[in-house]
Amino acid sequence: WYGIVASTLFWSQFEDRNHQYASSSWDTRHILSITAGKKFKRNWELGARFRMQGGTPYTPYNVQYASLIPVYNANPQGVYDYSRLNTLHLPLFHQLDIRVTKKWYFTKWSLELYLDIQNLYYHKVTDVPRLVVVTDDNGNPLYTPDNLHYQTKLLPNTSAIIQPQLGIVITY
């Protein structure tokens, strides 16, 4: 049996233009990694790794400005509100990976085959929401009563994948 646990607590900040400390893009605050495994007879091995990390900081949109019709037409991804630079954090990230390995040893070389499955329990990763224009049933944009802005909404932005990999390692 083998295992290792590593935990890191940190802050990553910089001084903004107003001489105030702001979170950098790496300021996730904590990282936890747990790796464990067992070696079996006939050179079989089973291992697992659990990773957890605090949410990444991000800058919210200036929705009032970004929804102005000419502004949104020029930049349909939204405009960030830099007065609130990196003040929001995405949710915690975590995943479990497992790996099964079989090794063969020969006189002057070895062969290793493995199956690695990442994100075994299909955890969905959350990214920065997307600012989009609200449309009617025909796909036409809806406007605010003043007709100067599009009606907008924030769409959740999540993704997940279970990633299997087969591998071969030859060592001389």
C-alpha atoms as a PDB file:
ATOM      1  CA  TRP A   1       0.000   0.000   0.000  1.00  0.00           C
ATOM      2  CA  TYR A   2       1.126   3.553  -0.556  1.00  0.00           C
ATOM      3  CA  GLY A   3      -0.364   7.006  -0.195  1.00  0.00           C
ATOM      4  CA  ILE A   4       0.341  10.659   0.097  1.00  0.00           C
ATOM      5  CA  VAL A   5      -1.741  13.634   1.184  1.00  0.00           C
ATOM      6  CA  ALA A   6      -0.774  17.176   0.253  1.00  0.00           C
ATOM      7  CA  SER A   7      -2.598  20.336   1.211  1.00  0.00           C
ATOM      8  CA  THR A   8      -1.716  23.921   0.361  1.00  0.00           C
ATOM      9  CA  LEU A   9      -3.269  27.113   1.700  1.00  0.00           C
ATOM     10  CA  PHE A  10      -2.233  30.328  -0.037  1.00  0.00           C
ATOM     11  CA  TRP A  11      -3.224  33.774  -1.267  1.00  0.00           C
ATOM     12  CA  SER A  12      -2.189  35.165  -4.635  1.00  0.00           C
ATOM     13  CA  GLN A  13      -2.823  38.889  -4.883  1.00  0.00           C
ATOM     14  CA  PHE A  14      -1.489  41.969  -6.619  1.00  0.00           C
ATOM     15  CA  GLU A  15      -1.803  45.693  -6.152  1.00  0.00           C
ATOM     16  CA  ASP A  16      -4.384  47.178  -8.518  1.00  0.00           C
ATOM     17  CA  ARG A  17      -4.358  50.673 -10.032  1.00  0.00           C
ATOM     18  CA  ASN A  18      -6.000  52.063  -6.867  1.00  0.00           C
ATOM     19  CA  HIS A  19      -3.210  50.565  -4.728  1.00  0.00           C
ATOM     20  CA  GLN A  20      -5.618  48.021  -3.241  1.00  0.00           C
ATOM     21  CA  TYR A  21      -4.879  44.316  -3.129  1.00  0.00           C
ATOM     22  CA  ALA A  22      -6.962  42.224  -5.514  1.00  0.00           C
ATOM     23  CA  SER A  23      -7.058  38.476  -6.081  1.00  0.00           C
ATOM     24  CA  SER A  24      -4.950  37.286  -8.984  1.00  0.00           C
ATOM     25  CA  SER A  25      -6.340  34.732 -11.413  1.00  0.00           C
ATOM     26  CA  TRP A  26      -4.520  31.974  -9.450  1.00  0.00           C
ATOM     27  CA  ASP A  27      -5.980  32.890  -6.042  1.00  0.00           C
ATOM     28  CA  THR A  28      -7.890  29.659  -5.440  1.00  0.00           C
ATOM     29  CA  ARG A  29      -6.799  29.718  -1.761  1.00  0.00           C
ATOM     30  CA  HIS A  30      -6.448  25.992  -1.237  1.00  0.00           C
ATOM     31  CA  ILE A  31      -5.455  22.805  -3.020  1.00  0.00           C
ATOM     32  CA  LEU A  32      -5.842  19.269  -1.680  1.00  0.00           C
ATOM     33  CA  SER A  33      -4.435  16.165  -3.329  1.00  0.00           C
ATOM     34  CA  ILE A  34      -4.808  12.614  -2.023  1.00  0.00           C
ATOM     35  CA  THR A  35      -3.066   9.783  -3.859  1.00  0.00           C
ATOM     36  CA  ALA A  36      -3.287   6.145  -2.808  1.00  0.00           C
ATOM     37  CA  GLY A  37      -2.714   2.747  -4.316  1.00  0.00           C
ATOM     38  CA  LYS A  38      -1.935  -0.897  -3.862  1.00  0.00           C
ATOM     39  CA  LYS A  39       0.511  -3.173  -5.616  1.00  0.00           C
ATOM     40  CA  PHE A  40      -0.749  -6.699  -6.204  1.00  0.00           C
ATOM     41  CA  LYS A  41       0.843  -9.988  -7.206  1.00  0.00           C
ATOM     42  CA  ARG A  42       2.077 -10.476 -10.757  1.00  0.00           C
ATOM     43  CA  ASN A  43       2.893  -6.764 -11.151  1.00  0.00           C
ATOM     44  CA  TRP A  44      -0.643  -5.396 -11.082  1.00  0.00           C
ATOM     45  CA  GLU A  45      -1.270  -2.017  -9.482  1.00  0.00           C
ATOM     46  CA  LEU A  46      -4.399  -0.021  -8.656  1.00  0.00           C
ATOM     47  CA  GLY A  47      -4.142   3.677  -7.862  1.00  0.00           C
ATOM     48  CA  ALA A  48      -6.469   6.591  -7.228  1.00  0.00           C
ATOM     49  CA  ARG A  49      -6.074  10.342  -6.954  1.00  0.00           C
ATOM     50  CA  PHE A  50      -8.578  12.818  -5.528  1.00  0.00           C
ATOM     51  CA  ARG A  51      -8.032  16.504  -6.276  1.00  0.00           C
ATOM     52  CA  MET A  52      -9.854  19.478  -4.822  1.00  0.00           C
ATOM     53  CA  GLN A  53      -9.189  23.151  -5.429  1.00  0.00           C
ATOM     54  CA  GLY A  54     -10.884  26.362  -4.388  1.00  0.00           C
ATOM     55  CA  GLY A  55     -12.788  28.345  -6.974  1.00  0.00           C
ATOM     56  CA  THR A  56     -10.940  30.592  -9.392  1.00  0.00           C
ATOM     57  CA  PRO A  57     -11.611  34.321  -9.038  1.00  0.00           C
ATOM     58  CA  TYR A  58     -13.217  36.215 -11.894  1.00  0.00           C
ATOM     59  CA  THR A  59     -14.420  39.687 -12.775  1.00  0.00           C
ATOM     60  CA  PRO A  60     -18.188  40.133 -13.221  1.00  0.00           C
ATOM     61  CA  TYR A  61     -19.685  41.866 -16.237  1.00  0.00           C
ATOM     62  CA  ASN A  62     -20.770  45.487 -16.257  1.00  0.00           C
ATOM     63  CA  VAL A  63     -24.213  44.446 -17.460  1.00  0.00           C
ATOM     64  CA  GLN A  64     -25.602  47.983 -17.703  1.00  0.00           C
ATOM     65  CA  TYR A  65     -22.807  49.054 -20.059  1.00  0.00           C
ATOM     66  CA  ALA A  66     -22.425  45.723 -21.878  1.00  0.00           C
ATOM     67  CA  SER A  67     -26.149  45.600 -22.728  1.00  0.00           C
ATOM     68  CA  LEU A  68     -26.062  48.939 -24.604  1.00  0.00           C
ATOM     69  CA  ILE A  69     -27.004  48.020 -28.177  1.00  0.00           C
ATOM     70  CA  PRO A  70     -23.872  49.410 -29.930  1.00  0.00           C
ATOM     71  CA  VAL A  71     -21.574  48.050 -27.203  1.00  0.00           C
ATOM     72  CA  TYR A  72     -23.063  44.552 -27.298  1.00  0.00           C
ATOM     73  CA  ASN A  73     -23.037  44.540 -31.128  1.00  0.00           C
ATOM     74  CA  ALA A  74     -19.297  45.368 -31.049  1.00  0.00           C
ATOM     75  CA  ASN A  75     -18.471  42.939 -28.204  1.00  0.00           C
ATOM     76  CA  PRO A  76     -21.135  40.225 -27.818  1.00  0.00           C
ATOM     77  CA  GLN A  77     -19.212  38.425 -25.060  1.00  0.00           C
ATOM     78  CA  GLY A  78     -19.866  41.159 -22.514  1.00  0.00           C
ATOM     79  CA  VAL A  79     -17.722  43.871 -20.938  1.00  0.00           C
ATOM     80  CA  TYR A  80     -16.060  43.281 -17.583  1.00  0.00           C
ATOM     81  CA  ASP A  81     -16.559  45.606 -14.630  1.00  0.00           C
ATOM     82  CA  TYR A  82     -12.939  46.264 -13.725  1.00  0.00           C
ATOM     83  CA  SER A  83     -14.000  48.261 -10.659  1.00  0.00           C
ATOM     84  CA  ARG A  84     -14.868  44.805  -9.255  1.00  0.00           C
ATOM     85  CA  LEU A  85     -11.733  43.063 -10.530  1.00  0.00           C
ATOM     86  CA  ASN A  86     -11.679  39.355  -9.502  1.00  0.00           C
ATOM     87  CA  THR A  87     -14.206  39.897  -6.695  1.00  0.00           C
ATOM     88  CA  LEU A  88     -16.252  36.764  -7.467  1.00  0.00           C
ATOM     89  CA  HIS A  89     -15.104  33.141  -7.175  1.00  0.00           C
ATOM     90  CA  LEU A  90     -16.233  30.077  -9.085  1.00  0.00           C
ATOM     91  CA  PRO A  91     -17.353  27.050  -7.043  1.00  0.00           C
ATOM     92  CA  LEU A  92     -14.963  24.472  -5.652  1.00  0.00           C
ATOM     93  CA  PHE A  93     -13.454  22.040  -8.162  1.00  0.00           C
ATOM     94  CA  HIS A  94     -12.882  18.353  -7.399  1.00  0.00           C
ATOM     95  CA  GLN A  95     -12.475  15.061  -9.222  1.00  0.00           C
ATOM     96  CA  LEU A  96     -11.440  11.446  -8.707  1.00  0.00           C
ATOM     97  CA  ASP A  97      -9.114   9.604 -11.090  1.00  0.00           C
ATOM     98  CA  ILE A  98      -8.293   5.884 -11.017  1.00  0.00           C
ATOM     99  CA  ARG A  99      -5.639   3.853 -12.795  1.00  0.00           C
ATOM    100  CA  VAL A 100      -5.020   0.135 -13.291  1.00  0.00           C
ATOM    101  CA  THR A 101      -1.527  -0.856 -14.413  1.00  0.00           C
ATOM    102  CA  LYS A 102       0.078  -4.139 -15.471  1.00  0.00           C
ATOM    103  CA  LYS A 103       3.883  -4.397 -15.859  1.00  0.00           C
ATOM    104  CA  TRP A 104       6.092  -6.998 -17.488  1.00  0.00           C
ATOM    105  CA  TYR A 105       9.839  -7.095 -16.863  1.00  0.00           C
ATOM    106  CA  PHE A 106      12.259  -8.503 -19.421  1.00  0.00           C
ATOM    107  CA  THR A 107      16.061  -8.818 -19.436  1.00  0.00           C
ATOM    108  CA  LYS A 108      16.871  -5.295 -20.691  1.00  0.00           C
ATOM    109  CA  TRP A 109      13.495  -3.588 -20.875  1.00  0.00           C
ATOM    110  CA  SER A 110      10.011  -3.427 -19.385  1.00  0.00           C
ATOM    111  CA  LEU A 111       6.503  -2.994 -20.736  1.00  0.00           C
ATOM    112  CA  GLU A 112       3.674  -1.255 -18.903  1.00  0.00           C
ATOM    113  CA  LEU A 113       0.018  -1.100 -19.975  1.00  0.00           C
ATOM    114  CA  TYR A 114      -2.497   1.027 -18.138  1.00  0.00           C
ATOM    115  CA  LEU A 115      -6.093   2.186 -18.129  1.00  0.00           C
ATOM    116  CA  ASP A 116      -6.604   5.603 -16.576  1.00  0.00           C
ATOM    117  CA  ILE A 117     -10.068   7.083 -15.989  1.00  0.00           C
ATOM    118  CA  GLN A 118     -10.230  10.757 -15.067  1.00  0.00           C
ATOM    119  CA  ASN A 119     -13.250  12.375 -13.384  1.00  0.00           C
ATOM    120  CA  LEU A 120     -14.714   9.007 -12.494  1.00  0.00           C
ATOM    121  CA  TYR A 121     -17.888  10.383 -10.874  1.00  0.00           C
ATOM    122  CA  TYR A 122     -18.548  12.963 -13.645  1.00  0.00           C
ATOM    123  CA  HIS A 123     -18.168  16.143 -11.600  1.00  0.00           C
ATOM    124  CA  LYS A 124     -19.317  19.187 -13.573  1.00  0.00           C
ATOM    125  CA  VAL A 125     -16.869  22.077 -13.696  1.00  0.00           C
ATOM    126  CA  THR A 126     -18.368  25.561 -13.488  1.00  0.00           C
ATOM    127  CA  ASP A 127     -16.811  28.356 -15.515  1.00  0.00           C
ATOM    128  CA  VAL A 128     -17.647  32.072 -15.778  1.00  0.00           C
ATOM    129  CA  PRO A 129     -21.296  32.543 -16.809  1.00  0.00           C
ATOM    130  CA  ARG A 130     -21.964  33.837 -20.327  1.00  0.00           C
ATOM    131  CA  LEU A 131     -23.799  37.109 -20.975  1.00  0.00           C
ATOM    132  CA  VAL A 132     -26.340  36.666 -23.781  1.00  0.00           C
ATOM    133  CA  VAL A 133     -29.193  38.661 -25.283  1.00  0.00           C
ATOM    134  CA  VAL A 134     -32.737  37.509 -24.495  1.00  0.00           C
ATOM    135  CA  THR A 135     -34.659  36.695 -27.690  1.00  0.00           C
ATOM    136  CA  ASP A 136     -38.272  36.083 -28.619  1.00  0.00           C
ATOM    137  CA  ASP A 137     -39.583  32.827 -30.095  1.00  0.00           C
ATOM    138  CA  ASN A 138     -38.359  33.884 -33.556  1.00  0.00           C
ATOM    139  CA  GLY A 139     -34.816  34.626 -32.378  1.00  0.00           C
ATOM    140  CA  ASN A 140     -35.208  38.409 -32.448  1.00  0.00           C
ATOM    141  CA  PRO A 141     -33.516  40.355 -29.636  1.00  0.00           C
ATOM    142  CA  LEU A 142     -35.658  41.894 -26.912  1.00  0.00           C
ATOM    143  CA  TYR A 143     -35.039  45.464 -25.809  1.00  0.00           C
ATOM    144  CA  THR A 144     -35.469  47.326 -22.533  1.00  0.00           C
ATOM    145  CA  PRO A 145     -38.308  49.912 -22.404  1.00  0.00           C
ATOM    146  CA  ASP A 146     -35.857  52.755 -23.192  1.00  0.00           C
ATOM    147  CA  ASN A 147     -34.799  50.937 -26.437  1.00  0.00           C
ATOM    148  CA  LEU A 148     -31.154  51.702 -25.643  1.00  0.00           C
ATOM    149  CA  HIS A 149     -30.267  48.304 -24.209  1.00  0.00           C
ATOM    150  CA  TYR A 150     -30.780  44.685 -25.076  1.00  0.00           C
ATOM    151  CA  GLN A 151     -32.415  42.546 -22.432  1.00  0.00           C
ATOM    152  CA  THR A 152     -29.654  40.220 -21.259  1.00  0.00           C
ATOM    153  CA  LYS A 153     -29.244  37.232 -18.996  1.00  0.00           C
ATOM    154  CA  LEU A 154     -26.381  35.221 -17.588  1.00  0.00           C
ATOM    155  CA  LEU A 155     -26.242  31.602 -18.738  1.00  0.00           C
ATOM    156  CA  PRO A 156     -24.600  28.998 -16.511  1.00  0.00           C
ATOM    157  CA  ASN A 157     -21.425  27.631 -18.067  1.00  0.00           C
ATOM    158  CA  THR A 158     -20.702  24.061 -16.945  1.00  0.00           C
ATOM    159  CA  SER A 159     -19.020  21.091 -18.557  1.00  0.00           C
ATOM    160  CA  ALA A 160     -17.962  17.598 -17.620  1.00  0.00           C
ATOM    161  CA  ILE A 161     -16.344  14.603 -19.208  1.00  0.00           C
ATOM    162  CA  ILE A 162     -15.244  11.186 -18.040  1.00  0.00           C
ATOM    163  CA  GLN A 163     -11.882  10.771 -19.745  1.00  0.00           C
ATOM    164  CA  PRO A 164     -10.597   7.216 -20.225  1.00  0.00           C
ATOM    165  CA  GLN A 165      -7.056   6.692 -21.515  1.00  0.00           C
ATOM    166  CA  LEU A 166      -5.156   3.596 -22.532  1.00  0.00           C
ATOM    167  CA  GLY A 167      -1.403   3.824 -22.344  1.00  0.00           C
ATOM    168  CA  ILE A 168       1.758   1.927 -23.155  1.00  0.00           C
ATOM    169  CA  VAL A 169       5.137   2.620 -21.567  1.00  0.00           C
ATOM    170  CA  ILE A 170       8.281   0.932 -22.806  1.00  0.00           C
ATOM    171  CA  THR A 171      11.428   1.418 -20.726  1.00  0.00           C
ATOM    172  CA  TYR A 172      14.896   0.398 -21.897  1.00  0.00           C
END
